[in-house]
Amino acid sequence: MSSKVPSYRQAFMLMLKRDLTIALRHKDDIFNPILFFIIVVTLFPLGIGPEANTLSRIAPGIIWVAALLATLLSLDRLFKADHADGSLEQMMLLPQPLFIIVLAKIIAHWLITGLPLIFIAPLLAVLLHLNENSYGALIITLLIGTPILSFIGAIGVALTVGIKKGGVLLSLIVLPLYIPVLIFATSAIDTAAMNLPYSGQVAIIGALFFTSFTLAPFAVSAALKVSTN
């Protein structure tokens, strides 16, 4: 008697649990981006000086650039290990659509990398003398914006998964696509500091999130099929 084929939801949850379990076994995958984020943010007060007004003015950009680079640092583990041990080819042979598997892996990456940054960023913002009116905007933009970094980054990883030492190429592909998120996120935080409404910037980031959430899994699936052939 043939075994029951898992549903789309079951396949999604199994892949999500698998990637989270692997990350918990390799704790450096979790802590390296976090430590990198903390180090980058804390270096700026040491290099620029402790002047509160200067740090407060550039704090949104510092935090978001650090989050962007920390995400970029962690992208390699999305598909590289699976490609190296042959798991990726096995995933492509599953009866479920590949985009379901890809979506689960991207969300797992965000839970491991992006979510911790959201909790740490407000604490580091105190070090940078971020305006007290900006904390809400900081958390909202990170909550909506960091998943976009994972979705866009996954496309770059899929395109370079078969290339040895493709880290530089990955950066060249991904960094320009991160710029809109960086611009609107820092703009929202700066606007909040002036006690002005920042819903427009958040709406644009939200639109970018839904666009990347909808299209990225399909783009990644297509790129993986091309890269592994």
C-alpha atoms as a PDB file:
ATOM      1  CA  MET A   1       0.000   0.000   0.000  1.00  0.00           C
ATOM      2  CA  SER A   2       1.459   3.332  -1.033  1.00  0.00           C
ATOM      3  CA  SER A   3       2.175   5.934   1.620  1.00  0.00           C
ATOM      4  CA  LYS A   4       0.079   9.057   1.737  1.00  0.00           C
ATOM      5  CA  VAL A   5       1.587  12.057  -0.034  1.00  0.00           C
ATOM      6  CA  PRO A   6       1.857  15.044   2.345  1.00  0.00           C
ATOM      7  CA  SER A   7      -0.406  17.979   1.567  1.00  0.00           C
ATOM      8  CA  TYR A   8       1.032  21.353   0.568  1.00  0.00           C
ATOM      9  CA  ARG A   9       0.586  22.602   4.118  1.00  0.00           C
ATOM     10  CA  GLN A  10       2.239  19.523   5.610  1.00  0.00           C
ATOM     11  CA  ALA A  11       5.155  19.772   3.173  1.00  0.00           C
ATOM     12  CA  PHE A  12       5.562  23.451   4.045  1.00  0.00           C
ATOM     13  CA  MET A  13       5.569  22.776   7.795  1.00  0.00           C
ATOM     14  CA  LEU A  14       7.947  19.810   7.460  1.00  0.00           C
ATOM     15  CA  MET A  15      10.471  21.886   5.504  1.00  0.00           C
ATOM     16  CA  LEU A  16      10.132  24.809   7.917  1.00  0.00           C
ATOM     17  CA  LYS A  17      10.710  22.503  10.896  1.00  0.00           C
ATOM     18  CA  ARG A  18      13.655  20.837   9.132  1.00  0.00           C
ATOM     19  CA  ASP A  19      15.478  24.106   8.476  1.00  0.00           C
ATOM     20  CA  LEU A  20      14.824  25.440  11.981  1.00  0.00           C
ATOM     21  CA  THR A  21      16.091  22.187  13.500  1.00  0.00           C
ATOM     22  CA  ILE A  22      19.266  22.310  11.396  1.00  0.00           C
ATOM     23  CA  ALA A  23      19.845  25.921  12.437  1.00  0.00           C
ATOM     24  CA  LEU A  24      19.450  25.035  16.119  1.00  0.00           C
ATOM     25  CA  ARG A  25      22.051  22.302  15.714  1.00  0.00           C
ATOM     26  CA  HIS A  26      24.453  24.757  14.070  1.00  0.00           C
ATOM     27  CA  LYS A  27      24.118  27.663  16.472  1.00  0.00           C
ATOM     28  CA  ASP A  28      26.741  29.716  14.648  1.00  0.00           C
ATOM     29  CA  ASP A  29      24.158  30.121  11.860  1.00  0.00           C
ATOM     30  CA  ILE A  30      21.996  31.981  14.371  1.00  0.00           C
ATOM     31  CA  PHE A  31      24.576  33.910  16.362  1.00  0.00           C
ATOM     32  CA  ASN A  32      27.001  35.022  13.634  1.00  0.00           C
ATOM     33  CA  PRO A  33      24.574  37.468  11.914  1.00  0.00           C
ATOM     34  CA  ILE A  34      23.420  38.766  15.309  1.00  0.00           C
ATOM     35  CA  LEU A  35      26.978  39.374  16.512  1.00  0.00           C
ATOM     36  CA  PHE A  36      27.859  40.976  13.177  1.00  0.00           C
ATOM     37  CA  PHE A  37      24.837  43.290  13.499  1.00  0.00           C
ATOM     38  CA  ILE A  38      25.807  44.298  17.030  1.00  0.00           C
ATOM     39  CA  ILE A  39      29.462  44.886  16.122  1.00  0.00           C
ATOM     40  CA  VAL A  40      28.651  47.022  13.064  1.00  0.00           C
ATOM     41  CA  VAL A  41      26.228  49.225  15.014  1.00  0.00           C
ATOM     42  CA  THR A  42      28.558  49.676  17.998  1.00  0.00           C
ATOM     43  CA  LEU A  43      31.529  50.586  15.799  1.00  0.00           C
ATOM     44  CA  PHE A  44      29.896  53.813  14.627  1.00  0.00           C
ATOM     45  CA  PRO A  45      29.837  55.592  18.024  1.00  0.00           C
ATOM     46  CA  LEU A  46      33.490  54.601  18.447  1.00  0.00           C
ATOM     47  CA  GLY A  47      34.455  55.949  15.031  1.00  0.00           C
ATOM     48  CA  ILE A  48      32.252  59.037  14.831  1.00  0.00           C
ATOM     49  CA  GLY A  49      32.293  60.048  18.484  1.00  0.00           C
ATOM     50  CA  PRO A  50      29.722  60.205  21.272  1.00  0.00           C
ATOM     51  CA  GLU A  51      28.017  63.436  20.118  1.00  0.00           C
ATOM     52  CA  ALA A  52      24.316  62.683  20.607  1.00  0.00           C
ATOM     53  CA  ASN A  53      22.870  64.879  17.844  1.00  0.00           C
ATOM     54  CA  THR A  54      25.160  63.410  15.187  1.00  0.00           C
ATOM     55  CA  LEU A  55      24.436  59.830  16.213  1.00  0.00           C
ATOM     56  CA  SER A  56      20.702  60.476  16.434  1.00  0.00           C
ATOM     57  CA  ARG A  57      20.651  61.886  12.910  1.00  0.00           C
ATOM     58  CA  ILE A  58      22.410  58.915  11.324  1.00  0.00           C
ATOM     59  CA  ALA A  59      20.996  56.186  13.599  1.00  0.00           C
ATOM     60  CA  PRO A  60      18.260  55.002  11.180  1.00  0.00           C
ATOM     61  CA  GLY A  61      20.771  54.518   8.383  1.00  0.00           C
ATOM     62  CA  ILE A  62      23.279  52.767  10.652  1.00  0.00           C
ATOM     63  CA  ILE A  63      20.738  50.271  11.974  1.00  0.00           C
ATOM     64  CA  TRP A  64      19.267  49.509   8.574  1.00  0.00           C
ATOM     65  CA  VAL A  65      22.608  49.152   6.794  1.00  0.00           C
ATOM     66  CA  ALA A  66      23.784  46.836   9.580  1.00  0.00           C
ATOM     67  CA  ALA A  67      20.588  44.760   9.254  1.00  0.00           C
ATOM     68  CA  LEU A  68      21.035  44.619   5.492  1.00  0.00           C
ATOM     69  CA  LEU A  69      24.645  43.439   5.762  1.00  0.00           C
ATOM     70  CA  ALA A  70      23.811  40.912   8.492  1.00  0.00           C
ATOM     71  CA  THR A  71      21.123  39.423   6.251  1.00  0.00           C
ATOM     72  CA  LEU A  72      23.531  39.331   3.317  1.00  0.00           C
ATOM     73  CA  LEU A  73      26.099  37.551   5.495  1.00  0.00           C
ATOM     74  CA  SER A  74      23.614  34.774   6.278  1.00  0.00           C
ATOM     75  CA  LEU A  75      22.201  34.202   2.783  1.00  0.00           C
ATOM     76  CA  ASP A  76      24.706  31.523   1.776  1.00  0.00           C
ATOM     77  CA  ARG A  77      23.135  28.911   4.015  1.00  0.00           C
ATOM     78  CA  LEU A  78      19.762  29.146   2.240  1.00  0.00           C
ATOM     79  CA  PHE A  79      20.560  26.667  -0.547  1.00  0.00           C
ATOM     80  CA  LYS A  80      24.335  26.130  -0.619  1.00  0.00           C
ATOM     81  CA  ALA A  81      24.430  23.273   1.913  1.00  0.00           C
ATOM     82  CA  ASP A  82      21.441  21.555   0.306  1.00  0.00           C
ATOM     83  CA  HIS A  83      23.106  21.850  -3.088  1.00  0.00           C
ATOM     84  CA  ALA A  84      26.387  20.475  -1.770  1.00  0.00           C
ATOM     85  CA  ASP A  85      24.882  17.337  -0.190  1.00  0.00           C
ATOM     86  CA  GLY A  86      22.356  16.643  -2.943  1.00  0.00           C
ATOM     87  CA  SER A  87      19.282  17.532  -0.875  1.00  0.00           C
ATOM     88  CA  LEU A  88      18.304  20.271  -3.312  1.00  0.00           C
ATOM     89  CA  GLU A  89      17.949  17.832  -6.194  1.00  0.00           C
ATOM     90  CA  GLN A  90      15.793  15.593  -3.992  1.00  0.00           C
ATOM     91  CA  MET A  91      13.552  18.543  -3.130  1.00  0.00           C
ATOM     92  CA  MET A  92      12.999  19.175  -6.827  1.00  0.00           C
ATOM     93  CA  LEU A  93      11.736  15.604  -7.223  1.00  0.00           C
ATOM     94  CA  LEU A  94       9.077  15.962  -4.521  1.00  0.00           C
ATOM     95  CA  PRO A  95       5.439  15.761  -5.672  1.00  0.00           C
ATOM     96  CA  GLN A  96       4.725  19.172  -4.131  1.00  0.00           C
ATOM     97  CA  PRO A  97       5.520  22.310  -6.165  1.00  0.00           C
ATOM     98  CA  LEU A  98       9.040  23.582  -5.576  1.00  0.00           C
ATOM     99  CA  PHE A  99       7.797  27.058  -4.643  1.00  0.00           C
ATOM    100  CA  ILE A 100       6.170  25.595  -1.494  1.00  0.00           C
ATOM    101  CA  ILE A 101       9.534  24.234  -0.373  1.00  0.00           C
ATOM    102  CA  VAL A 102      11.287  27.482  -1.300  1.00  0.00           C
ATOM    103  CA  LEU A 103       8.770  29.591   0.636  1.00  0.00           C
ATOM    104  CA  ALA A 104       9.289  27.467   3.755  1.00  0.00           C
ATOM    105  CA  LYS A 105      13.076  27.812   3.494  1.00  0.00           C
ATOM    106  CA  ILE A 106      12.899  31.594   3.053  1.00  0.00           C
ATOM    107  CA  ILE A 107      10.580  32.008   6.040  1.00  0.00           C
ATOM    108  CA  ALA A 108      12.865  29.792   8.129  1.00  0.00           C
ATOM    109  CA  HIS A 109      15.800  31.994   7.115  1.00  0.00           C
ATOM    110  CA  TRP A 110      13.921  35.104   8.240  1.00  0.00           C
ATOM    111  CA  LEU A 111      12.923  33.525  11.562  1.00  0.00           C
ATOM    112  CA  ILE A 112      16.568  32.647  12.197  1.00  0.00           C
ATOM    113  CA  THR A 113      18.144  35.870  10.931  1.00  0.00           C
ATOM    114  CA  GLY A 114      15.640  38.706  10.598  1.00  0.00           C
ATOM    115  CA  LEU A 115      13.430  38.202  13.648  1.00  0.00           C
ATOM    116  CA  PRO A 116      16.246  38.388  16.233  1.00  0.00           C
ATOM    117  CA  LEU A 117      17.403  41.688  14.721  1.00  0.00           C
ATOM    118  CA  ILE A 118      13.973  43.206  15.382  1.00  0.00           C
ATOM    119  CA  PHE A 119      14.344  42.505  19.109  1.00  0.00           C
ATOM    120  CA  ILE A 120      17.955  43.678  19.308  1.00  0.00           C
ATOM    121  CA  ALA A 121      17.649  46.848  17.189  1.00  0.00           C
ATOM    122  CA  PRO A 122      15.714  48.957  19.766  1.00  0.00           C
ATOM    123  CA  LEU A 123      18.370  48.201  22.387  1.00  0.00           C
ATOM    124  CA  LEU A 124      21.154  49.293  20.055  1.00  0.00           C
ATOM    125  CA  ALA A 125      19.100  52.347  19.066  1.00  0.00           C
ATOM    126  CA  VAL A 126      19.490  53.598  22.644  1.00  0.00           C
ATOM    127  CA  LEU A 127      23.262  53.525  22.141  1.00  0.00           C
ATOM    128  CA  LEU A 128      22.805  55.682  19.028  1.00  0.00           C
ATOM    129  CA  HIS A 129      20.486  58.158  20.807  1.00  0.00           C
ATOM    130  CA  LEU A 130      17.638  57.454  18.377  1.00  0.00           C
ATOM    131  CA  ASN A 131      14.796  59.945  18.769  1.00  0.00           C
ATOM    132  CA  GLU A 132      12.172  58.579  21.157  1.00  0.00           C
ATOM    133  CA  ASN A 133       9.438  59.158  18.564  1.00  0.00           C
ATOM    134  CA  SER A 134      11.198  56.859  16.084  1.00  0.00           C
ATOM    135  CA  TYR A 135      11.138  53.548  17.946  1.00  0.00           C
ATOM    136  CA  GLY A 136       7.720  52.555  16.656  1.00  0.00           C
ATOM    137  CA  ALA A 137       8.741  53.304  13.071  1.00  0.00           C
ATOM    138  CA  LEU A 138      12.005  51.401  13.565  1.00  0.00           C
ATOM    139  CA  ILE A 139      10.221  48.247  14.723  1.00  0.00           C
ATOM    140  CA  ILE A 140       7.512  48.465  12.043  1.00  0.00           C
ATOM    141  CA  THR A 141       9.968  48.985   9.187  1.00  0.00           C
ATOM    142  CA  LEU A 142      12.180  46.132  10.389  1.00  0.00           C
ATOM    143  CA  LEU A 143       9.166  43.849  10.826  1.00  0.00           C
ATOM    144  CA  ILE A 144       7.964  44.486   7.270  1.00  0.00           C
ATOM    145  CA  GLY A 145      11.317  45.164   5.621  1.00  0.00           C
ATOM    146  CA  THR A 146      13.574  42.353   6.821  1.00  0.00           C
ATOM    147  CA  PRO A 147      11.422  39.627   5.184  1.00  0.00           C
ATOM    148  CA  ILE A 148      11.890  41.492   1.896  1.00  0.00           C
ATOM    149  CA  LEU A 149      15.654  41.177   2.350  1.00  0.00           C
ATOM    150  CA  SER A 150      15.281  37.407   2.740  1.00  0.00           C
ATOM    151  CA  PHE A 151      12.981  37.066  -0.285  1.00  0.00           C
ATOM    152  CA  ILE A 152      15.192  39.159  -2.564  1.00  0.00           C
ATOM    153  CA  GLY A 153      18.341  37.538  -1.221  1.00  0.00           C
ATOM    154  CA  ALA A 154      16.945  34.085  -1.962  1.00  0.00           C
ATOM    155  CA  ILE A 155      16.713  35.003  -5.643  1.00  0.00           C
ATOM    156  CA  GLY A 156      20.389  35.961  -5.671  1.00  0.00           C
ATOM    157  CA  VAL A 157      21.399  32.762  -3.868  1.00  0.00           C
ATOM    158  CA  ALA A 158      19.384  30.653  -6.319  1.00  0.00           C
ATOM    159  CA  LEU A 159      21.153  32.293  -9.260  1.00  0.00           C
ATOM    160  CA  THR A 160      24.614  31.688  -7.784  1.00  0.00           C
ATOM    161  CA  VAL A 161      24.069  28.370  -5.987  1.00  0.00           C
ATOM    162  CA  GLY A 162      26.114  26.409  -8.508  1.00  0.00           C
ATOM    163  CA  ILE A 163      29.009  28.880  -8.573  1.00  0.00           C
ATOM    164  CA  LYS A 164      32.012  28.306  -6.331  1.00  0.00           C
ATOM    165  CA  LYS A 165      32.950  31.399  -4.333  1.00  0.00           C
ATOM    166  CA  GLY A 166      29.917  33.251  -5.674  1.00  0.00           C
ATOM    167  CA  GLY A 167      29.717  35.570  -2.668  1.00  0.00           C
ATOM    168  CA  VAL A 168      30.906  38.654  -4.558  1.00  0.00           C
ATOM    169  CA  LEU A 169      28.485  38.011  -7.414  1.00  0.00           C
ATOM    170  CA  LEU A 170      25.685  37.471  -4.896  1.00  0.00           C
ATOM    171  CA  SER A 171      26.420  40.865  -3.329  1.00  0.00           C
ATOM    172  CA  LEU A 172      26.441  42.565  -6.736  1.00  0.00           C
ATOM    173  CA  ILE A 173      23.063  41.038  -7.578  1.00  0.00           C
ATOM    174  CA  VAL A 174      21.324  41.613  -4.262  1.00  0.00           C
ATOM    175  CA  LEU A 175      22.608  44.935  -2.892  1.00  0.00           C
ATOM    176  CA  PRO A 176      21.111  47.157  -5.641  1.00  0.00           C
ATOM    177  CA  LEU A 177      17.728  45.483  -5.086  1.00  0.00           C
ATOM    178  CA  TYR A 178      17.916  46.273  -1.366  1.00  0.00           C
ATOM    179  CA  ILE A 179      18.213  50.023  -1.964  1.00  0.00           C
ATOM    180  CA  PRO A 180      14.445  50.829  -2.193  1.00  0.00           C
ATOM    181  CA  VAL A 181      13.799  49.108   1.140  1.00  0.00           C
ATOM    182  CA  LEU A 182      16.693  50.998   2.733  1.00  0.00           C
ATOM    183  CA  ILE A 183      15.515  54.361   1.380  1.00  0.00           C
ATOM    184  CA  PHE A 184      11.872  54.088   2.449  1.00  0.00           C
ATOM    185  CA  ALA A 185      12.655  52.488   5.820  1.00  0.00           C
ATOM    186  CA  THR A 186      15.116  55.190   6.871  1.00  0.00           C
ATOM    187  CA  SER A 187      12.772  57.854   5.503  1.00  0.00           C
ATOM    188  CA  ALA A 188       9.935  56.511   7.669  1.00  0.00           C
ATOM    189  CA  ILE A 189      12.120  56.582  10.786  1.00  0.00           C
ATOM    190  CA  ASP A 190      13.347  60.118  10.041  1.00  0.00           C
ATOM    191  CA  THR A 191       9.774  61.279   9.439  1.00  0.00           C
ATOM    192  CA  ALA A 192       8.635  59.754  12.732  1.00  0.00           C
ATOM    193  CA  ALA A 193      11.411  61.660  14.510  1.00  0.00           C
ATOM    194  CA  MET A 194       9.794  64.898  13.286  1.00  0.00           C
ATOM    195  CA  ASN A 195       6.400  63.792  14.649  1.00  0.00           C
ATOM    196  CA  LEU A 196       4.999  63.564  11.124  1.00  0.00           C
ATOM    197  CA  PRO A 197       2.926  60.688   9.679  1.00  0.00           C
ATOM    198  CA  TYR A 198       5.022  58.014   8.002  1.00  0.00           C
ATOM    199  CA  SER A 199       2.200  55.800   6.764  1.00  0.00           C
ATOM    200  CA  GLY A 200       3.128  56.519   3.128  1.00  0.00           C
ATOM    201  CA  GLN A 201       6.595  55.031   3.477  1.00  0.00           C
ATOM    202  CA  VAL A 202       5.219  52.048   5.411  1.00  0.00           C
ATOM    203  CA  ALA A 203       2.614  51.476   2.681  1.00  0.00           C
ATOM    204  CA  ILE A 204       5.352  51.377   0.041  1.00  0.00           C
ATOM    205  CA  ILE A 205       7.412  48.932   2.108  1.00  0.00           C
ATOM    206  CA  GLY A 206       4.253  46.866   2.575  1.00  0.00           C
ATOM    207  CA  ALA A 207       3.703  46.823  -1.177  1.00  0.00           C
ATOM    208  CA  LEU A 208       7.298  45.678  -1.665  1.00  0.00           C
ATOM    209  CA  PHE A 209       6.717  42.943   0.906  1.00  0.00           C
ATOM    210  CA  PHE A 210       3.591  41.582  -0.780  1.00  0.00           C
ATOM    211  CA  THR A 211       5.257  41.770  -4.193  1.00  0.00           C
ATOM    212  CA  SER A 212       8.328  39.873  -3.009  1.00  0.00           C
ATOM    213  CA  PHE A 213       6.210  37.385  -1.034  1.00  0.00           C
ATOM    214  CA  THR A 214       4.116  36.665  -4.122  1.00  0.00           C
ATOM    215  CA  LEU A 215       6.792  36.581  -6.821  1.00  0.00           C
ATOM    216  CA  ALA A 216      10.057  35.569  -5.123  1.00  0.00           C
ATOM    217  CA  PRO A 217       9.216  31.880  -4.473  1.00  0.00           C
ATOM    218  CA  PHE A 218       8.401  31.371  -8.159  1.00  0.00           C
ATOM    219  CA  ALA A 219      11.501  33.285  -9.287  1.00  0.00           C
ATOM    220  CA  VAL A 220      13.692  31.289  -6.901  1.00  0.00           C
ATOM    221  CA  SER A 221      12.180  27.998  -8.098  1.00  0.00           C
ATOM    222  CA  ALA A 222      12.911  28.871 -11.720  1.00  0.00           C
ATOM    223  CA  ALA A 223      16.449  30.040 -10.890  1.00  0.00           C
ATOM    224  CA  LEU A 224      17.208  26.854  -8.951  1.00  0.00           C
ATOM    225  CA  LYS A 225      16.099  24.677 -11.844  1.00  0.00           C
ATOM    226  CA  VAL A 226      18.370  26.606 -14.198  1.00  0.00           C
ATOM    227  CA  SER A 227      21.331  26.690 -11.788  1.00  0.00           C
ATOM    228  CA  THR A 228      21.242  22.973 -11.008  1.00  0.00           C
ATOM    229  CA  ASN A 229      20.987  21.806 -14.640  1.00  0.00           C
END
